[in-house]
PDB file of N, CA and C in Angstrom:
ATOM      1  N   UNK A   1     -38.351  39.873-155.481  1.00  0.00           N
ATOM      2  CA  UNK A   1     -38.480  39.775-154.129  1.00  0.00           C
ATOM      3  C   UNK A   1     -37.997  38.187-153.642  1.00  0.00           C
ATOM      4  N   UNK A   2     -38.429  37.194-154.401  1.00  0.00           N
ATOM      5  CA  UNK A   2     -38.121  36.004-154.288  1.00  0.00           C
ATOM      6  C   UNK A   2     -36.658  35.584-154.271  1.00  0.00           C
ATOM      7  N   UNK A   3     -35.946  36.384-155.275  1.00  0.00           N
ATOM      8  CA  UNK A   3     -34.473  36.137-155.250  1.00  0.00           C
ATOM      9  C   UNK A   3     -33.630  36.859-154.256  1.00  0.00           C
ATOM     10  N   UNK A   4     -34.146  37.921-153.614  1.00  0.00           N
ATOM     11  CA  UNK A   4     -33.455  38.603-152.249  1.00  0.00           C
ATOM     12  C   UNK A   4     -33.744  37.509-151.476  1.00  0.00           C
ATOM     13  N   UNK A   5     -34.898  37.113-151.224  1.00  0.00           N
ATOM     14  CA  UNK A   5     -34.981  35.919-150.051  1.00  0.00           C
ATOM     15  C   UNK A   5     -34.049  34.869-150.084  1.00  0.00           C
ATOM     16  N   UNK A   6     -33.764  34.624-151.459  1.00  0.00           N
ATOM     17  CA  UNK A   6     -33.085  33.160-151.764  1.00  0.00           C
ATOM     18  C   UNK A   6     -31.454  33.744-151.240  1.00  0.00           C
ATOM     19  N   UNK A   7     -31.183  34.938-151.718  1.00  0.00           N
ATOM     20  CA  UNK A   7     -29.877  35.373-151.663  1.00  0.00           C
ATOM     21  C   UNK A   7     -29.390  35.553-150.139  1.00  0.00           C
ATOM     22  N   UNK A   8     -30.334  36.201-149.277  1.00  0.00           N
ATOM     23  CA  UNK A   8     -30.201  36.079-147.867  1.00  0.00           C
ATOM     24  C   UNK A   8     -29.992  34.721-146.975  1.00  0.00           C
ATOM     25  N   UNK A   9     -31.090  33.781-147.713  1.00  0.00           N
ATOM     26  CA  UNK A   9     -30.885  32.641-147.041  1.00  0.00           C
ATOM     27  C   UNK A   9     -29.582  31.941-147.354  1.00  0.00           C
ATOM     28  N   UNK A  10     -28.976  32.152-148.613  1.00  0.00           N
ATOM     29  CA  UNK A  10     -27.689  31.738-148.935  1.00  0.00           C
ATOM     30  C   UNK A  10     -26.439  32.191-147.999  1.00  0.00           C
ATOM     31  N   UNK A  11     -26.692  33.549-147.944  1.00  0.00           N
ATOM     32  CA  UNK A  11     -25.641  34.219-147.256  1.00  0.00           C
ATOM     33  C   UNK A  11     -25.847  33.892-145.601  1.00  0.00           C
ATOM     34  N   UNK A  12     -26.939  33.618-145.009  1.00  0.00           N
ATOM     35  CA  UNK A  12     -27.070  33.142-143.719  1.00  0.00           C
ATOM     36  C   UNK A  12     -26.621  32.036-143.532  1.00  0.00           C
ATOM     37  N   UNK A  13     -26.874  30.821-144.423  1.00  0.00           N
ATOM     38  CA  UNK A  13     -26.384  29.447-144.266  1.00  0.00           C
ATOM     39  C   UNK A  13     -24.831  29.559-144.403  1.00  0.00           C
ATOM     40  N   UNK A  14     -24.240  30.284-145.303  1.00  0.00           N
ATOM     41  CA  UNK A  14     -22.746  30.346-145.449  1.00  0.00           C
ATOM     42  C   UNK A  14     -22.252  31.017-143.953  1.00  0.00           C
ATOM     43  N   UNK A  15     -22.702  31.832-143.519  1.00  0.00           N
ATOM     44  CA  UNK A  15     -22.426  32.675-142.297  1.00  0.00           C
ATOM     45  C   UNK A  15     -22.350  31.745-141.129  1.00  0.00           C
ATOM     46  N   UNK A  16     -23.273  31.022-141.022  1.00  0.00           N
ATOM     47  CA  UNK A  16     -23.613  30.085-140.098  1.00  0.00           C
ATOM     48  C   UNK A  16     -22.550  28.831-140.113  1.00  0.00           C
ATOM     49  N   UNK A  17     -22.101  28.455-141.307  1.00  0.00           N
ATOM     50  CA  UNK A  17     -21.102  27.449-141.381  1.00  0.00           C
ATOM     51  C   UNK A  17     -19.775  28.045-141.146  1.00  0.00           C
ATOM     52  N   UNK A  18     -19.616  29.245-141.501  1.00  0.00           N
ATOM     53  CA  UNK A  18     -18.295  29.954-141.100  1.00  0.00           C
ATOM     54  C   UNK A  18     -18.098  30.165-139.623  1.00  0.00           C
ATOM     55  N   UNK A  19     -19.242  30.177-138.963  1.00  0.00           N
ATOM     56  CA  UNK A  19     -19.178  30.512-137.545  1.00  0.00           C
ATOM     57  C   UNK A  19     -18.965  29.287-136.888  1.00  0.00           C
ATOM     58  N   UNK A  20     -19.406  28.227-137.230  1.00  0.00           N
ATOM     59  CA  UNK A  20     -19.364  26.691-136.962  1.00  0.00           C
ATOM     60  C   UNK A  20     -17.909  26.254-136.981  1.00  0.00           C
ATOM     61  N   UNK A  21     -17.309  26.541-138.292  1.00  0.00           N
ATOM     62  CA  UNK A  21     -16.025  26.132-138.198  1.00  0.00           C
ATOM     63  C   UNK A  21     -15.017  26.959-137.525  1.00  0.00           C
ATOM     64  N   UNK A  22     -15.341  28.290-137.251  1.00  0.00           N
ATOM     65  CA  UNK A  22     -14.438  29.189-136.513  1.00  0.00           C
ATOM     66  C   UNK A  22     -14.484  28.647-134.962  1.00  0.00           C
ATOM     67  N   UNK A  23     -15.699  28.245-134.683  1.00  0.00           N
ATOM     68  CA  UNK A  23     -15.869  27.626-133.156  1.00  0.00           C
ATOM     69  C   UNK A  23     -15.165  26.220-133.053  1.00  0.00           C
ATOM     70  N   UNK A  24     -15.279  25.393-134.149  1.00  0.00           N
ATOM     71  CA  UNK A  24     -14.937  24.099-134.051  1.00  0.00           C
ATOM     72  C   UNK A  24     -13.434  24.085-134.350  1.00  0.00           C
ATOM     73  N   UNK A  25     -12.788  24.813-134.898  1.00  0.00           N
ATOM     74  CA  UNK A  25     -11.346  24.608-135.394  1.00  0.00           C
ATOM     75  C   UNK A  25     -10.499  24.832-133.901  1.00  0.00           C
ATOM     76  N   UNK A  26     -10.623  25.689-133.264  1.00  0.00           N
ATOM     77  CA  UNK A  26      -9.716  25.557-131.958  1.00  0.00           C
ATOM     78  C   UNK A  26      -9.973  24.423-131.221  1.00  0.00           C
ATOM     79  N   UNK A  27     -11.056  23.843-130.797  1.00  0.00           N
ATOM     80  CA  UNK A  27     -11.254  22.795-130.156  1.00  0.00           C
ATOM     81  C   UNK A  27     -10.529  21.610-130.782  1.00  0.00           C
ATOM     82  N   UNK A  28     -10.803  21.385-132.188  1.00  0.00           N
ATOM     83  CA  UNK A  28      -9.871  20.440-132.883  1.00  0.00           C
ATOM     84  C   UNK A  28      -8.627  20.461-132.743  1.00  0.00           C
ATOM     85  N   UNK A  29      -8.004  21.705-132.682  1.00  0.00           N
ATOM     86  CA  UNK A  29      -6.732  22.145-132.657  1.00  0.00           C
ATOM     87  C   UNK A  29      -6.124  21.724-131.402  1.00  0.00           C
ATOM     88  N   UNK A  30      -6.794  21.899-130.324  1.00  0.00           N
ATOM     89  CA  UNK A  30      -6.477  21.754-128.902  1.00  0.00           C
ATOM     90  C   UNK A  30      -6.358  20.152-128.801  1.00  0.00           C
ATOM     91  N   UNK A  31      -7.262  19.500-129.233  1.00  0.00           N
ATOM     92  CA  UNK A  31      -7.352  17.902-129.166  1.00  0.00           C
ATOM     93  C   UNK A  31      -6.094  17.446-129.798  1.00  0.00           C
ATOM     94  N   UNK A  32      -5.619  17.993-131.073  1.00  0.00           N
ATOM     95  CA  UNK A  32      -4.660  17.584-131.678  1.00  0.00           C
ATOM     96  C   UNK A  32      -3.178  17.841-131.099  1.00  0.00           C
ATOM     97  N   UNK A  33      -3.162  18.997-130.391  1.00  0.00           N
ATOM     98  CA  UNK A  33      -2.132  19.336-129.533  1.00  0.00           C
ATOM     99  C   UNK A  33      -1.819  18.517-128.204  1.00  0.00           C
ATOM    100  N   UNK A  34      -3.127  18.229-127.598  1.00  0.00           N
ATOM    101  CA  UNK A  34      -2.952  17.311-126.433  1.00  0.00           C
ATOM    102  C   UNK A  34      -2.528  15.779-126.904  1.00  0.00           C
ATOM    103  N   UNK A  35      -2.647  15.422-128.009  1.00  0.00           N
ATOM    104  CA  UNK A  35      -2.299  14.057-128.461  1.00  0.00           C
ATOM    105  C   UNK A  35      -0.778  14.130-128.394  1.00  0.00           C
ATOM    106  N   UNK A  36      -0.104  15.057-129.015  1.00  0.00           N
ATOM    107  CA  UNK A  36       1.253  15.228-128.867  1.00  0.00           C
ATOM    108  C   UNK A  36       2.158  15.480-127.686  1.00  0.00           C
TER     109      UNK A  36
END
């Protein structure tokens, strides 16, 4: 049971990181485009 909880925790943190990257990437890309 503990292993499953650990697995879900890992997936959740990974998904959160992925979502953050997806949200941040366009903003950073736009900033780079504005500089040029």
